[in-house]
N, C-alpha and C. Protein backbone atom coordinates (compact mmCIF):
# COMPACT_ATOMS: atom_id res chain seq x y z
N MET A 1 83.28 106.69 70.60
CA MET A 1 84.27 106.66 71.67
C MET A 1 84.39 108.07 72.25
N ARG A 2 84.48 108.16 73.52
CA ARG A 2 84.57 109.46 74.20
C ARG A 2 85.95 110.07 74.05
N ARG A 3 86.03 111.37 74.23
CA ARG A 3 87.30 112.09 74.06
C ARG A 3 88.41 111.57 74.96
N ILE A 4 88.09 111.34 76.22
CA ILE A 4 89.12 110.87 77.15
C ILE A 4 89.64 109.50 76.72
N GLU A 5 88.74 108.62 76.33
CA GLU A 5 89.16 107.30 75.88
C GLU A 5 90.01 107.38 74.62
N ARG A 6 89.65 108.28 73.71
CA ARG A 6 90.45 108.47 72.48
C ARG A 6 91.84 109.00 72.83
N ALA A 7 91.90 109.95 73.76
CA ALA A 7 93.17 110.58 74.10
C ALA A 7 94.08 109.65 74.90
N LEU A 8 93.52 108.88 75.84
CA LEU A 8 94.33 108.07 76.74
C LEU A 8 94.45 106.61 76.32
N GLY A 9 93.50 106.13 75.55
CA GLY A 9 93.53 104.73 75.12
C GLY A 9 93.57 103.78 76.30
N ASP A 10 94.42 102.77 76.21
CA ASP A 10 94.51 101.80 77.30
C ASP A 10 95.55 102.21 78.34
N GLY A 11 96.16 103.38 78.16
CA GLY A 11 97.12 103.90 79.13
C GLY A 11 98.55 103.43 78.92
N SER A 12 98.77 102.47 78.03
CA SER A 12 100.11 101.89 77.88
C SER A 12 101.15 102.92 77.46
N GLN A 13 100.74 103.94 76.72
CA GLN A 13 101.72 104.97 76.33
C GLN A 13 102.21 105.78 77.52
N PHE A 14 101.52 105.67 78.65
CA PHE A 14 101.91 106.40 79.86
C PHE A 14 102.44 105.45 80.94
N GLY A 15 102.60 104.19 80.61
CA GLY A 15 103.05 103.22 81.60
C GLY A 15 101.96 102.84 82.58
N ALA A 16 100.71 102.97 82.16
CA ALA A 16 99.57 102.68 83.04
C ALA A 16 98.64 101.69 82.34
N GLN A 17 97.71 101.17 83.09
CA GLN A 17 96.66 100.32 82.53
C GLN A 17 95.34 101.00 82.84
N ILE A 18 94.62 101.40 81.81
CA ILE A 18 93.34 102.08 81.99
C ILE A 18 92.24 101.19 81.45
N ARG A 19 91.22 100.99 82.28
CA ARG A 19 90.03 100.25 81.86
C ARG A 19 88.84 101.16 82.09
N TYR A 20 87.91 101.16 81.17
CA TYR A 20 86.77 102.06 81.22
C TYR A 20 85.51 101.29 81.57
N SER A 21 84.66 101.93 82.36
CA SER A 21 83.38 101.36 82.74
C SER A 21 82.31 102.38 82.37
N SER A 22 81.50 102.04 81.38
CA SER A 22 80.47 102.97 80.92
C SER A 22 79.20 102.78 81.74
N GLU A 23 78.61 103.88 82.15
CA GLU A 23 77.37 103.86 82.92
C GLU A 23 76.22 104.25 82.02
N VAL A 24 75.12 103.51 82.11
CA VAL A 24 73.92 103.86 81.34
C VAL A 24 73.31 105.13 81.90
N SER A 25 73.28 105.23 83.23
CA SER A 25 72.82 106.45 83.90
C SER A 25 73.86 106.79 84.97
N ALA A 26 73.93 108.06 85.34
CA ALA A 26 74.93 108.51 86.32
C ALA A 26 74.75 107.78 87.65
N LEU A 27 75.84 107.18 88.14
CA LEU A 27 75.80 106.43 89.39
C LEU A 27 76.49 107.15 90.53
N GLU A 28 77.00 108.34 90.28
CA GLU A 28 77.79 109.09 91.25
C GLU A 28 79.08 108.33 91.55
N THR A 29 79.91 108.86 92.42
CA THR A 29 81.24 108.29 92.63
C THR A 29 81.19 106.87 93.19
N ALA A 30 80.55 106.66 94.32
CA ALA A 30 80.53 105.34 94.95
C ALA A 30 79.82 104.31 94.07
N GLY A 31 78.73 104.70 93.44
CA GLY A 31 78.01 103.79 92.56
C GLY A 31 78.83 103.39 91.35
N GLY A 32 79.57 104.35 90.80
CA GLY A 32 80.42 104.06 89.66
C GLY A 32 81.54 103.10 90.01
N ILE A 33 82.13 103.27 91.18
CA ILE A 33 83.20 102.36 91.63
C ILE A 33 82.62 100.97 91.86
N ALA A 34 81.49 100.90 92.53
CA ALA A 34 80.86 99.60 92.79
C ALA A 34 80.52 98.90 91.47
N PHE A 35 80.04 99.66 90.49
CA PHE A 35 79.69 99.11 89.19
C PHE A 35 80.93 98.54 88.48
N ALA A 36 82.08 99.15 88.69
CA ALA A 36 83.31 98.76 88.00
C ALA A 36 84.16 97.75 88.78
N LEU A 37 83.73 97.31 89.94
CA LEU A 37 84.54 96.41 90.76
C LEU A 37 85.03 95.17 90.02
N SER A 38 84.22 94.65 89.13
CA SER A 38 84.62 93.45 88.40
C SER A 38 85.83 93.70 87.50
N LEU A 39 86.11 94.95 87.15
CA LEU A 39 87.26 95.29 86.31
C LEU A 39 88.54 95.46 87.12
N LEU A 40 88.43 95.60 88.43
CA LEU A 40 89.57 96.02 89.23
C LEU A 40 90.51 94.91 89.65
N GLY A 41 90.04 93.72 89.89
CA GLY A 41 90.91 92.64 90.32
C GLY A 41 91.35 92.81 91.76
N GLU A 42 92.46 92.17 92.11
CA GLU A 42 92.94 92.15 93.48
C GLU A 42 94.04 93.16 93.78
N GLU A 43 94.61 93.77 92.77
CA GLU A 43 95.71 94.71 92.96
C GLU A 43 95.19 96.07 93.45
N PRO A 44 96.04 96.83 94.14
CA PRO A 44 95.64 98.19 94.53
C PRO A 44 95.30 99.02 93.30
N PHE A 45 94.38 99.96 93.47
CA PHE A 45 93.99 100.81 92.35
C PHE A 45 93.77 102.22 92.85
N ALA A 46 93.78 103.15 91.94
CA ALA A 46 93.53 104.56 92.28
C ALA A 46 92.27 105.02 91.57
N VAL A 47 91.48 105.80 92.26
CA VAL A 47 90.30 106.43 91.68
C VAL A 47 90.57 107.92 91.64
N VAL A 48 90.49 108.50 90.47
CA VAL A 48 90.70 109.93 90.31
C VAL A 48 89.49 110.50 89.60
N ASN A 49 88.81 111.41 90.26
CA ASN A 49 87.66 112.04 89.63
C ASN A 49 88.12 112.96 88.52
N GLY A 50 87.40 112.95 87.42
CA GLY A 50 87.78 113.74 86.26
C GLY A 50 87.34 115.18 86.31
N ASP A 51 86.54 115.54 87.30
CA ASP A 51 86.02 116.90 87.33
C ASP A 51 86.71 117.77 88.39
N VAL A 52 87.87 117.31 88.86
CA VAL A 52 88.62 118.07 89.85
C VAL A 52 90.07 118.20 89.38
N TYR A 53 90.68 119.34 89.65
CA TYR A 53 92.08 119.52 89.34
C TYR A 53 92.90 118.86 90.44
N CYS A 54 93.86 118.08 90.08
CA CYS A 54 94.67 117.38 91.07
C CYS A 54 96.13 117.47 90.66
N ASP A 55 96.92 118.13 91.48
CA ASP A 55 98.35 118.26 91.22
C ASP A 55 99.08 117.34 92.19
N TYR A 56 99.07 116.07 91.88
CA TYR A 56 99.65 115.05 92.75
C TYR A 56 100.66 114.24 91.96
N ALA A 57 101.72 113.83 92.58
CA ALA A 57 102.74 113.01 91.93
C ALA A 57 102.27 111.55 91.95
N PHE A 58 101.48 111.18 90.96
CA PHE A 58 100.88 109.85 90.93
C PHE A 58 101.92 108.72 90.86
N GLU A 59 103.13 109.04 90.44
CA GLU A 59 104.15 108.00 90.41
C GLU A 59 104.49 107.50 91.81
N GLN A 60 104.06 108.21 92.84
CA GLN A 60 104.29 107.79 94.23
C GLN A 60 103.27 106.75 94.71
N LEU A 61 102.20 106.57 93.98
CA LEU A 61 101.13 105.68 94.44
C LEU A 61 101.54 104.23 94.64
N PRO A 62 102.32 103.61 93.75
CA PRO A 62 102.69 102.21 94.00
C PRO A 62 103.43 102.01 95.32
N ALA A 63 104.35 102.90 95.64
CA ALA A 63 105.09 102.78 96.90
C ALA A 63 104.16 103.00 98.09
N LEU A 64 103.24 103.93 97.97
CA LEU A 64 102.28 104.19 99.04
C LEU A 64 101.37 102.99 99.25
N ALA A 65 100.92 102.39 98.17
CA ALA A 65 100.06 101.20 98.28
C ALA A 65 100.80 100.06 98.97
N GLU A 66 102.06 99.88 98.61
CA GLU A 66 102.87 98.82 99.23
C GLU A 66 103.06 99.10 100.72
N GLN A 67 103.31 100.34 101.06
CA GLN A 67 103.48 100.72 102.47
C GLN A 67 102.20 100.46 103.25
N MET A 68 101.05 100.76 102.65
CA MET A 68 99.78 100.52 103.34
C MET A 68 99.55 99.03 103.56
N LYS A 69 99.95 98.20 102.60
CA LYS A 69 99.78 96.76 102.75
C LYS A 69 100.67 96.20 103.83
N THR A 70 101.91 96.64 103.88
CA THR A 70 102.88 96.02 104.79
C THR A 70 102.91 96.65 106.17
N ASN A 71 102.44 97.88 106.34
CA ASN A 71 102.54 98.57 107.62
C ASN A 71 101.20 98.73 108.32
N SER A 72 100.28 97.89 108.01
CA SER A 72 98.96 98.03 108.61
C SER A 72 98.89 97.29 109.93
N GLY A 73 98.94 98.04 111.03
CA GLY A 73 98.82 97.43 112.34
C GLY A 73 97.39 97.07 112.69
N GLN A 74 96.43 97.73 112.04
CA GLN A 74 95.04 97.49 112.36
C GLN A 74 94.46 96.31 111.60
N ARG A 75 94.91 96.12 110.39
CA ARG A 75 94.40 95.03 109.57
C ARG A 75 95.56 94.27 108.96
N PRO A 76 95.88 93.11 109.47
CA PRO A 76 97.05 92.36 108.98
C PRO A 76 97.02 92.11 107.48
N SER A 77 95.82 92.02 106.89
CA SER A 77 95.74 91.75 105.44
C SER A 77 95.88 93.02 104.61
N GLY A 78 96.02 94.17 105.26
CA GLY A 78 96.21 95.44 104.53
C GLY A 78 95.02 96.35 104.68
N ASN A 79 95.17 97.56 104.12
CA ASN A 79 94.09 98.55 104.19
C ASN A 79 93.32 98.58 102.90
């Protein structure tokens, strides 16, 4: 098991749900997301690269996702 998976587990201790997708060979960002699509379901999700520092208030994401779904003038079904 990798260090990140050992440290974060399934995310429940942080109020999150974390699912891991292991790549046999590096797929880069878009390839990795495409490979993991079957794990994502229909709910909004966030992709955070692990090799960049990000000082963002992630607790704001659910409200932002809801706003994008309900306030989309361009796509009635959401963004």
